[in-house]
Amino acid sequence: MTDVLGVLVIARNGDRTEYYQDPKTYESSYTESTALGVAQSHQLGSFLRSTYMSSSSPSYIANMKTDLVDTHEVHVHAKAGGEGTVIFDSAVALLQGLFPPNPANSIVLANETTVIAPLGGYQYVPIQTVDPGNDKSLEPWIDCPAFEQHISNVYSSSEFKATERAAGPFFGAVRDYVFGRPTTLENAWNIYDYVSIGHSHNKTYAHRLLPTLLEQARGFANYHENAIFSDKHAGGIGNLAGRTILHTVLRSLQRIAFNGDPLQFLLVETSYQPFISLFHMLDMIKENPELAGIPNYASALAFELRRGPPPEDRDFVRIKFKNGTNGDFETYHVLGHKYDIAATEFIYRIENYAISSQKQWAAVCSSSLDEDSIGSQNAISSTVFAVLAVVFLFGMFILSKFIKSARAKAQSARIRLADDEVSQLHLPVSQFPNYGTLSDVDYGIMPSRIVLTNCHFLFLVHDRTSSLTPLP
């Protein structure tokens, strides 16, 4: 039996309200989570806990803290674009199942009072949201001219037009159930989403819907999304959703393999698109054509890093997929292998397809954006830097003017002390009262105190200005 060193899990969000996507650009509408959706994600979290954090499981991660979360060992990323609100809710619900409340999540205060976290020891796991404005790894198809051209090419292909003609009877039958929405193959995703949501949430609609329409709508939506989010070549533009998330996959496997890195469990909560692309890029579709479509809510794709059995000293990658809340993980062999694939070979064969930077994404998409930020939240626009630099330099200019003005005023107010010149006076000496000098004092008899009257002292504070270099 091999030992699991760590795992990366890509999970799809749970059920939600209706969600519209523009067929030509995939710009989308607002949507919200449902109680069913968060329950599905919570169930997935409980399943992952029993798989990777139970000592009786063959996939148990032995060296991982399982009762109280260690945030050095567990990292979570959640897509913020598109269905972002739903995806974040799903991530929270999944983590509730993965690390349920534990009374041991407590603290003993100085007065010996024990305080348990709310809800019986609820565990708060940090979630890093991935905003497509800064990081394209989880939603690279938005604002990508090359991908929009790919969509246009799919729609104009002879295969797509032939499929649309064959789908004519279905779109004619479903027209009365979608209330004015375009009944075309280009709009197949939105047709299916509307029919599916109505069938799940509306009792009257579910009773009136013809029995075969939901299944047919799912079939044409699967065809549509599989055509859009795949490509004949692993490095093609159609696999863009897989190519950007692939960088996160490879980097996490390398981190888990490194003994000095504590990471052992990485969760990426996202939408359905990367699943389709990765299935194609890893050659999973050839042996499993049923994967060519939209994964169900709360599906999970796991990349396990396993230590080979003795005398093997290499690490291996095992890929598992669970389609929705029913059933268990199924193991899938990738890249033509019939068994687990060596981690070094897995990385070597697909790393050239990964898009690892914002600049690389811009080149692939024919976009002008060039900041590095794939898989990172630390990118800041160079435009912001430029604006800050201008503001800083303007402020320094105003400050220098103020200092010069203050010095000029101080110069005019300075006084001269006899025999101890500290400044050049602009007024005749005769206008200043004579207070005498130290030579007028009889050293034989020292006064008990010296009283100075009508004397004003001006303390000058000399400013030291350092040389500052503008921000790059």
Protein backbone atom coordinates (compact mmCIF):
# COMPACT_ATOMS: atom_id res chain seq x y z
CA MET A 1 0.00 0.00 0.00
CA THR A 2 1.35 3.41 -0.91
CA ASP A 3 1.37 6.36 1.49
CA VAL A 4 -0.43 9.60 0.63
CA LEU A 5 1.88 12.55 1.22
CA GLY A 6 -0.73 15.18 0.38
CA VAL A 7 -3.51 16.08 -2.01
CA LEU A 8 -4.86 18.88 -4.18
CA VAL A 9 -8.65 18.88 -4.52
CA ILE A 10 -10.49 20.91 -7.16
CA ALA A 11 -14.16 21.14 -6.12
CA ARG A 12 -17.16 22.54 -7.94
CA ASN A 13 -19.67 24.75 -6.12
CA GLY A 14 -23.04 23.49 -4.93
CA ASP A 15 -26.57 24.26 -6.11
CA ARG A 16 -27.61 27.91 -6.69
CA THR A 17 -30.28 30.10 -8.27
CA GLU A 18 -30.49 30.75 -12.02
CA TYR A 19 -27.22 31.84 -13.59
CA TYR A 20 -26.98 33.41 -17.04
CA GLN A 21 -23.81 33.37 -19.16
CA ASP A 22 -23.46 35.34 -22.39
CA PRO A 23 -22.97 32.69 -25.13
CA LYS A 24 -20.36 34.80 -26.95
CA THR A 25 -18.27 36.24 -24.09
CA TYR A 26 -19.31 34.24 -20.99
CA GLU A 27 -19.91 37.43 -19.05
CA SER A 28 -22.39 36.39 -16.40
CA SER A 29 -25.22 37.49 -14.14
CA TYR A 30 -25.55 37.48 -10.35
CA THR A 31 -26.57 34.31 -8.55
CA GLU A 32 -26.97 33.13 -4.95
CA SER A 33 -26.44 29.94 -2.98
CA THR A 34 -29.30 27.74 -1.87
CA ALA A 35 -29.64 25.61 1.24
CA LEU A 36 -29.35 22.58 -1.03
CA GLY A 37 -26.10 23.90 -2.46
CA VAL A 38 -24.33 24.44 0.85
CA ALA A 39 -25.63 21.06 2.07
CA GLN A 40 -24.05 19.42 -1.00
CA SER A 41 -20.71 21.11 -0.34
CA HIS A 42 -20.83 20.23 3.36
CA GLN A 43 -21.46 16.61 2.39
CA LEU A 44 -18.43 16.73 0.08
CA GLY A 45 -16.32 18.13 2.92
CA SER A 46 -17.37 15.28 5.21
CA PHE A 47 -16.52 12.81 2.47
CA LEU A 48 -13.05 14.32 2.00
CA ARG A 49 -12.49 14.17 5.76
CA SER A 50 -13.35 10.46 5.87
CA THR A 51 -11.08 9.85 2.87
CA TYR A 52 -7.95 11.77 3.89
CA MET A 53 -8.23 12.32 7.65
CA SER A 54 -9.45 8.97 8.92
CA SER A 55 -6.74 6.55 10.02
CA SER A 56 -8.82 3.64 8.69
CA SER A 57 -8.83 5.05 5.13
CA PRO A 58 -6.26 3.77 2.58
CA SER A 59 -5.78 7.41 1.51
CA TYR A 60 -5.10 8.68 5.04
CA ILE A 61 -2.55 11.52 5.20
CA ALA A 62 -0.61 10.24 8.20
CA ASN A 63 1.36 13.30 9.27
CA MET A 64 -1.46 15.82 8.98
CA LYS A 65 -3.25 17.36 11.97
CA THR A 66 -6.88 16.30 11.58
CA ASP A 67 -8.76 17.43 14.70
CA LEU A 68 -7.82 21.09 14.78
CA VAL A 69 -6.86 22.67 11.49
CA ASP A 70 -3.26 23.77 11.03
CA THR A 71 -3.39 26.64 8.52
CA HIS A 72 0.20 25.94 7.50
CA GLU A 73 -0.85 22.48 6.30
CA VAL A 74 -4.20 23.46 4.74
CA HIS A 75 -4.67 26.19 2.13
CA VAL A 76 -7.92 27.16 0.40
CA HIS A 77 -8.46 29.16 -2.80
CA ALA A 78 -11.92 30.23 -4.01
CA LYS A 79 -12.83 31.80 -7.33
CA ALA A 80 -14.24 35.32 -6.91
CA GLY A 81 -15.44 36.01 -10.47
CA GLY A 82 -18.64 34.73 -12.10
CA GLU A 83 -20.39 32.57 -9.53
CA GLY A 84 -17.99 33.92 -6.92
CA THR A 85 -20.53 34.46 -4.12
CA VAL A 86 -21.82 30.91 -4.50
CA ILE A 87 -18.32 29.47 -4.76
CA PHE A 88 -17.22 31.22 -1.57
CA ASP A 89 -20.29 29.93 0.28
CA SER A 90 -19.56 26.44 -1.02
CA ALA A 91 -15.97 26.66 0.21
CA VAL A 92 -17.13 27.67 3.69
CA ALA A 93 -19.67 24.82 3.79
CA LEU A 94 -17.11 22.29 2.55
CA LEU A 95 -14.67 23.36 5.26
CA GLN A 96 -17.37 22.93 7.89
CA GLY A 97 -17.56 19.28 6.85
CA LEU A 98 -13.79 18.91 6.48
CA PHE A 99 -13.02 20.41 9.90
CA PRO A 100 -16.21 20.21 11.99
CA PRO A 101 -16.60 22.13 15.27
CA ASN A 102 -14.37 20.81 18.02
CA PRO A 103 -14.57 21.81 21.72
CA ALA A 104 -10.78 21.60 21.78
CA ASN A 105 -10.79 24.81 19.74
CA SER A 106 -10.53 26.86 22.93
CA ILE A 107 -8.27 29.13 24.91
CA VAL A 108 -7.45 29.39 28.63
CA LEU A 109 -7.24 33.00 29.79
CA ALA A 110 -4.95 34.45 32.43
CA ASN A 111 -7.74 34.19 35.03
CA GLU A 112 -7.98 30.45 34.22
CA THR A 113 -11.27 30.85 32.36
CA THR A 114 -11.68 28.50 29.38
CA VAL A 115 -13.39 29.99 26.33
CA ILE A 116 -14.57 27.69 23.51
CA ALA A 117 -15.01 29.09 19.99
CA PRO A 118 -18.65 29.74 18.94
CA LEU A 119 -20.96 26.96 17.76
CA GLY A 120 -19.24 24.36 19.90
CA GLY A 121 -15.72 25.06 18.69
CA TYR A 122 -16.28 26.24 15.10
CA GLN A 123 -13.03 26.22 13.12
CA TYR A 124 -12.30 29.30 11.03
CA VAL A 125 -10.17 28.31 8.04
CA PRO A 126 -8.79 31.22 5.96
CA ILE A 127 -10.02 31.35 2.36
CA GLN A 128 -7.99 33.17 -0.27
CA THR A 129 -10.33 34.58 -2.91
CA VAL A 130 -8.97 34.69 -6.46
CA ASP A 131 -10.16 37.89 -8.16
CA PRO A 132 -9.85 37.71 -11.97
CA GLY A 133 -8.84 41.37 -11.97
CA ASN A 134 -5.58 40.37 -10.28
CA ASP A 135 -5.26 36.65 -10.98
CA LYS A 136 -6.54 34.87 -14.08
CA SER A 137 -5.91 31.34 -12.85
CA LEU A 138 -9.58 30.48 -12.15
CA GLU A 139 -11.40 32.58 -14.78
CA PRO A 140 -9.02 33.14 -17.72
CA TRP A 141 -11.65 33.12 -20.45
CA ILE A 142 -13.13 36.52 -19.53
CA ASP A 143 -11.75 39.51 -21.49
CA CYS A 144 -9.67 37.18 -23.64
CA PRO A 145 -9.99 38.11 -27.35
CA ALA A 146 -8.41 34.86 -28.53
CA PHE A 147 -10.91 32.80 -26.51
CA GLU A 148 -13.82 34.82 -27.88
CA GLN A 149 -12.52 34.07 -31.36
CA HIS A 150 -12.37 30.40 -30.40
CA ILE A 151 -16.04 30.56 -29.38
CA SER A 152 -16.89 32.16 -32.71
CA ASN A 153 -14.98 29.43 -34.55
CA VAL A 154 -16.88 26.72 -32.68
CA TYR A 155 -20.23 28.28 -33.61
CA SER A 156 -19.29 28.60 -37.28
CA SER A 157 -17.96 25.04 -37.58
CA SER A 158 -19.79 22.55 -39.77
CA GLU A 159 -20.09 20.09 -36.85
CA PHE A 160 -21.79 22.66 -34.63
CA LYS A 161 -24.23 23.67 -37.39
CA ALA A 162 -25.06 20.04 -38.11
CA THR A 163 -25.72 19.40 -34.41
CA GLU A 164 -27.96 22.49 -34.24
CA ARG A 165 -30.04 21.23 -37.17
CA ALA A 166 -30.40 17.85 -35.47
CA ALA A 167 -31.47 19.59 -32.27
CA GLY A 168 -34.28 21.48 -33.99
CA PRO A 169 -37.14 19.30 -32.63
CA PHE A 170 -35.90 19.67 -29.06
CA PHE A 171 -35.62 23.45 -29.23
CA GLY A 172 -39.10 23.60 -30.73
CA ALA A 173 -40.51 21.51 -27.88
CA VAL A 174 -38.71 23.36 -25.09
CA ARG A 175 -39.73 26.83 -26.29
CA ASP A 176 -42.90 26.84 -24.18
CA TYR A 177 -40.90 26.11 -21.01
CA VAL A 178 -38.24 28.82 -21.19
CA PHE A 179 -40.48 31.89 -21.53
CA GLY A 180 -38.88 33.95 -24.27
CA ARG A 181 -35.29 32.82 -23.88
CA PRO A 182 -33.52 32.13 -27.22
CA THR A 183 -33.93 28.47 -28.14
CA THR A 184 -30.71 27.91 -30.08
CA LEU A 185 -27.74 25.63 -29.65
CA GLU A 186 -25.58 28.67 -28.91
CA ASN A 187 -27.78 29.32 -25.88
CA ALA A 188 -27.84 25.66 -24.80
CA TRP A 189 -26.14 26.32 -21.46
CA ASN A 190 -28.72 28.92 -20.40
CA ILE A 191 -31.61 26.74 -21.59
CA TYR A 192 -30.38 23.82 -19.50
CA ASP A 193 -29.64 25.98 -16.46
CA TYR A 194 -33.14 27.47 -16.49
CA VAL A 195 -34.88 24.12 -16.98
CA SER A 196 -32.71 22.41 -14.36
CA ILE A 197 -33.24 25.13 -11.73
CA GLY A 198 -36.98 25.13 -12.36
CA HIS A 199 -37.14 21.35 -12.14
CA SER A 200 -35.28 21.37 -8.79
CA HIS A 201 -36.88 24.40 -7.11
CA ASN A 202 -40.39 24.84 -8.56
CA LYS A 203 -42.91 22.06 -7.89
CA THR A 204 -45.44 23.32 -10.45
CA TYR A 205 -42.78 23.69 -13.15
CA ALA A 206 -41.38 20.22 -12.40
CA HIS A 207 -44.83 18.62 -12.76
CA ARG A 208 -45.53 20.32 -16.09
CA LEU A 209 -42.12 19.74 -17.68
CA LEU A 210 -42.13 16.92 -20.26
CA PRO A 211 -40.12 13.97 -18.87
CA THR A 212 -37.46 13.89 -21.60
CA LEU A 213 -36.77 17.63 -21.91
CA LEU A 214 -34.46 17.92 -18.90
CA GLU A 215 -32.29 15.03 -20.07
CA GLN A 216 -32.14 16.42 -23.61
CA ALA A 217 -31.32 19.91 -22.37
CA ARG A 218 -28.45 18.44 -20.32
CA GLY A 219 -27.17 16.55 -23.36
CA PHE A 220 -27.02 19.61 -25.60
CA ALA A 221 -25.50 21.74 -22.81
CA ASN A 222 -22.82 19.07 -22.36
CA TYR A 223 -22.06 19.17 -26.07
CA HIS A 224 -21.91 22.97 -26.05
CA GLU A 225 -19.63 23.35 -23.01
CA ASN A 226 -17.38 20.49 -24.06
CA ALA A 227 -16.88 22.13 -27.46
CA ILE A 228 -16.13 25.54 -25.93
CA PHE A 229 -13.80 24.44 -23.12
CA SER A 230 -11.68 21.89 -24.96
CA ASP A 231 -9.23 21.80 -27.81
CA LYS A 232 -7.68 19.22 -30.14
CA HIS A 233 -4.27 20.20 -28.79
CA ALA A 234 -3.40 20.20 -25.09
CA GLY A 235 -1.90 23.67 -25.45
CA GLY A 236 -4.78 25.04 -27.53
CA ILE A 237 -6.83 28.12 -26.61
CA GLY A 238 -9.90 25.96 -25.95
CA ASN A 239 -8.11 24.42 -22.95
CA LEU A 240 -7.40 27.83 -21.45
CA ALA A 241 -9.38 27.04 -18.25
CA GLY A 242 -7.20 24.00 -17.64
CA ARG A 243 -3.91 25.63 -18.62
CA THR A 244 -4.14 28.40 -16.02
CA ILE A 245 -5.21 26.17 -13.12
CA LEU A 246 -2.54 23.65 -14.13
CA HIS A 247 0.13 25.97 -12.75
CA THR A 248 -1.51 25.72 -9.31
CA VAL A 249 -1.71 21.93 -9.63
CA LEU A 250 1.96 21.49 -10.47
CA ARG A 251 3.21 24.00 -7.93
CA SER A 252 1.19 22.41 -5.10
CA LEU A 253 2.48 18.92 -5.94
CA GLN A 254 6.04 20.23 -5.84
CA ARG A 255 5.40 21.89 -2.49
CA ILE A 256 3.88 18.74 -1.01
CA ALA A 257 6.86 16.69 -2.23
CA PHE A 258 9.33 19.06 -0.55
CA ASN A 259 9.93 17.96 3.03
CA GLY A 260 10.58 21.50 4.23
CA ASP A 261 7.14 22.75 3.14
CA PRO A 262 4.25 22.04 5.57
CA LEU A 263 1.53 22.10 2.87
CA GLN A 264 -0.41 18.84 2.72
CA PHE A 265 -3.94 19.75 1.63
CA LEU A 266 -4.89 22.37 -0.96
CA LEU A 267 -8.53 23.01 -1.83
CA VAL A 268 -9.43 24.98 -4.95
CA GLU A 269 -13.15 25.81 -4.98
CA THR A 270 -14.22 26.88 -8.47
CA SER A 271 -16.76 26.47 -11.29
CA TYR A 272 -17.17 23.64 -13.81
CA GLN A 273 -15.03 24.90 -16.72
CA PRO A 274 -11.54 23.75 -15.56
CA PHE A 275 -12.81 20.19 -15.09
CA ILE A 276 -13.68 19.87 -18.78
CA SER A 277 -10.34 21.26 -19.97
CA LEU A 278 -8.27 19.13 -17.59
CA PHE A 279 -10.11 15.96 -18.61
CA HIS A 280 -9.06 16.64 -22.20
CA MET A 281 -5.52 17.74 -21.42
CA LEU A 282 -4.84 14.60 -19.35
CA ASP A 283 -6.31 12.27 -22.02
CA MET A 284 -9.02 11.07 -19.67
CA ILE A 285 -11.77 11.51 -22.28
CA LYS A 286 -10.38 8.86 -24.63
CA GLU A 287 -11.04 6.02 -22.20
CA ASN A 288 -13.96 7.71 -20.42
CA PRO A 289 -16.14 9.62 -22.92
CA GLU A 290 -18.79 10.20 -20.24
CA LEU A 291 -16.49 12.84 -18.74
CA ALA A 292 -16.97 15.09 -21.79
CA GLY A 293 -19.52 17.39 -20.22
CA ILE A 294 -20.53 19.47 -17.21
CA PRO A 295 -19.66 17.91 -13.84
CA ASN A 296 -22.45 17.83 -11.27
CA TYR A 297 -22.66 20.21 -8.34
CA ALA A 298 -20.14 19.46 -5.56
CA SER A 299 -17.96 17.33 -7.81
CA ALA A 300 -14.31 16.85 -6.85
CA LEU A 301 -11.13 16.13 -8.79
CA ALA A 302 -8.23 14.98 -6.59
CA PHE A 303 -4.51 14.90 -7.37
CA GLU A 304 -2.90 12.66 -4.76
CA LEU A 305 0.86 12.60 -4.29
CA ARG A 306 1.83 9.10 -3.11
CA ARG A 307 5.09 7.56 -1.98
CA GLY A 308 5.83 4.42 -3.98
CA PRO A 309 6.08 1.06 -2.19
CA PRO A 310 9.56 -0.26 -1.33
CA PRO A 311 12.01 -0.50 -2.95
CA GLU A 312 10.54 2.32 -5.06
CA ASP A 313 11.85 5.69 -3.93
CA ARG A 314 9.86 7.85 -6.36
CA ASP A 315 6.64 9.75 -5.75
CA PHE A 316 3.59 9.03 -7.89
CA VAL A 317 0.45 10.96 -8.84
CA ARG A 318 -2.96 9.31 -8.64
CA ILE A 319 -5.98 11.15 -10.04
CA LYS A 320 -9.49 10.54 -8.72
CA PHE A 321 -12.84 12.04 -9.68
CA LYS A 322 -16.17 12.09 -7.87
CA ASN A 323 -19.12 13.34 -9.96
CA GLY A 324 -21.46 15.02 -7.49
CA THR A 325 -22.60 13.90 -4.07
CA ASN A 326 -23.41 10.30 -4.99
CA GLY A 327 -20.90 7.50 -5.01
CA ASP A 328 -17.23 7.37 -4.15
CA PHE A 329 -13.99 8.50 -5.76
CA GLU A 330 -13.08 6.65 -8.94
CA THR A 331 -9.44 6.38 -10.03
CA TYR A 332 -8.62 7.49 -13.58
CA HIS A 333 -5.36 6.81 -15.39
CA VAL A 334 -3.90 9.68 -17.37
CA LEU A 335 -1.58 10.35 -20.28
CA GLY A 336 -1.83 6.79 -21.58
CA HIS A 337 -0.76 5.09 -18.33
CA LYS A 338 -2.56 2.10 -16.89
CA TYR A 339 -1.34 2.76 -13.36
CA ASP A 340 -0.27 5.72 -11.24
CA ILE A 341 2.12 8.02 -13.07
CA ALA A 342 5.50 9.06 -11.65
CA ALA A 343 5.34 12.65 -10.41
CA THR A 344 8.44 13.63 -12.36
CA GLU A 345 6.97 12.31 -15.61
CA PHE A 346 3.59 13.90 -14.92
CA ILE A 347 5.18 17.31 -14.39
CA TYR A 348 7.55 16.93 -17.34
CA ARG A 349 4.81 16.01 -19.82
CA ILE A 350 2.36 18.82 -19.05
CA GLU A 351 4.32 21.70 -17.52
CA ASN A 352 4.89 23.32 -20.91
CA TYR A 353 1.12 23.74 -21.33
CA ALA A 354 0.69 25.58 -18.02
CA ILE A 355 0.17 29.35 -18.06
CA SER A 356 2.07 30.62 -15.05
CA SER A 357 1.95 34.42 -15.30
CA GLN A 358 -0.34 37.26 -16.24
CA LYS A 359 2.10 38.24 -18.98
CA GLN A 360 1.90 34.76 -20.49
CA TRP A 361 -1.89 34.84 -20.29
CA ALA A 362 -1.90 38.20 -22.08
CA ALA A 363 0.26 36.79 -24.86
CA VAL A 364 -2.02 33.77 -25.31
CA CYS A 365 -5.14 35.96 -25.26
CA SER A 366 -3.71 38.72 -27.47
CA SER A 367 -4.30 41.11 -24.59
CA SER A 368 -2.23 44.12 -23.53
CA LEU A 369 -2.21 43.16 -19.83
CA ASP A 370 1.28 42.18 -18.71
CA GLU A 371 1.51 41.99 -14.92
CA ASP A 372 2.55 38.70 -13.32
CA SER A 373 -0.21 37.29 -11.14
CA ILE A 374 -1.31 33.76 -12.11
CA GLY A 375 -1.86 31.88 -8.87
CA SER A 376 -0.88 34.96 -6.80
CA GLN A 377 -2.76 37.75 -5.05
CA ASN A 378 0.19 40.18 -4.84
CA ALA A 379 -0.08 41.82 -8.28
CA ILE A 380 -0.54 45.58 -8.40
CA SER A 381 -1.04 47.51 -11.60
CA SER A 382 1.93 49.52 -12.87
CA THR A 383 -0.53 52.34 -13.53
CA VAL A 384 -1.14 52.59 -9.79
CA PHE A 385 2.60 52.76 -9.19
CA ALA A 386 2.91 55.57 -11.72
CA VAL A 387 0.11 57.57 -10.11
CA LEU A 388 1.61 57.11 -6.65
CA ALA A 389 5.01 58.24 -7.94
CA VAL A 390 3.53 61.41 -9.46
CA VAL A 391 1.65 62.23 -6.25
CA PHE A 392 4.79 61.62 -4.20
CA LEU A 393 6.97 63.86 -6.37
CA PHE A 394 4.35 66.62 -6.35
CA GLY A 395 4.16 66.40 -2.56
CA MET A 396 7.95 66.66 -2.29
CA PHE A 397 7.90 69.74 -4.54
CA ILE A 398 5.29 71.48 -2.35
CA LEU A 399 7.20 70.49 0.82
CA SER A 400 10.46 71.94 -0.51
CA LYS A 401 8.69 75.23 -1.31
CA PHE A 402 7.27 75.37 2.20
CA ILE A 403 10.67 74.71 3.80
CA LYS A 404 12.33 77.44 1.72
CA SER A 405 9.60 79.91 2.68
CA ALA A 406 9.95 79.04 6.38
CA ARG A 407 13.69 79.46 6.25
CA ALA A 408 13.35 82.86 4.59
CA LYS A 409 11.03 84.06 7.34
CA ALA A 410 13.33 82.72 10.03
CA GLN A 411 16.31 84.46 8.45
CA SER A 412 14.62 87.85 8.75
CA ALA A 413 13.77 87.25 12.41
CA ARG A 414 17.19 86.23 13.66
CA ILE A 415 19.07 88.49 16.22
CA ARG A 416 22.74 89.18 16.80
CA LEU A 417 24.30 88.65 20.18
CA ALA A 418 27.29 90.88 20.84
CA ASP A 419 30.63 89.18 20.23
CA ASP A 420 28.84 85.99 19.14
CA GLU A 421 27.50 86.56 15.68
CA VAL A 422 25.00 83.99 14.45
CA SER A 423 23.35 85.84 11.58
CA GLN A 424 23.50 88.81 9.27
CA LEU A 425 21.19 91.62 10.38
CA HIS A 426 19.22 93.81 8.06
CA LEU A 427 18.53 96.47 10.72
CA PRO A 428 20.99 99.01 12.21
CA VAL A 429 22.57 97.90 15.47
CA SER A 430 21.47 101.14 17.11
CA GLN A 431 17.88 99.97 17.02
CA PHE A 432 18.65 97.12 19.45
CA PRO A 433 19.04 97.78 23.23
CA ASN A 434 22.49 97.30 24.74
CA TYR A 435 22.39 94.57 27.39
CA GLY A 436 26.09 94.72 28.01
CA THR A 437 28.72 92.05 27.68
CA LEU A 438 30.35 89.57 29.95
CA SER A 439 33.30 91.96 30.30
CA ASP A 440 31.03 94.37 32.23
CA VAL A 441 30.51 91.88 35.00
CA ASP A 442 32.72 92.10 38.09
CA TYR A 443 33.99 88.58 38.62
CA GLY A 444 34.86 89.35 42.24
CA ILE A 445 31.24 89.54 43.29
CA MET A 446 28.87 87.17 41.42
CA PRO A 447 25.16 87.92 41.65
CA SER A 448 22.95 85.35 43.28
CA ARG A 449 20.90 85.27 40.08
CA ILE A 450 20.90 86.99 36.75
CA VAL A 451 17.56 88.22 35.42
CA LEU A 452 17.27 88.75 31.68
CA THR A 453 14.47 90.99 30.57
CA ASN A 454 13.19 92.11 27.23
CA CYS A 455 15.21 89.35 25.57
CA HIS A 456 13.69 87.05 22.97
CA PHE A 457 15.34 83.80 21.90
CA LEU A 458 14.64 82.21 18.55
CA PHE A 459 15.36 78.48 18.37
CA LEU A 460 16.07 77.35 14.81
CA VAL A 461 15.41 73.71 13.94
CA HIS A 462 17.47 72.65 10.99
CA ASP A 463 15.62 70.19 8.72
CA ARG A 464 17.48 67.17 7.42
CA THR A 465 16.01 65.91 4.19
CA SER A 466 17.07 62.49 2.98
CA SER A 467 17.36 61.59 -0.67
CA LEU A 468 14.25 59.58 -1.58
CA THR A 469 13.98 57.43 -4.64
CA PRO A 470 10.52 57.35 -6.30
CA LEU A 471 8.67 54.02 -6.31
CA PRO A 472 9.33 51.97 -9.42
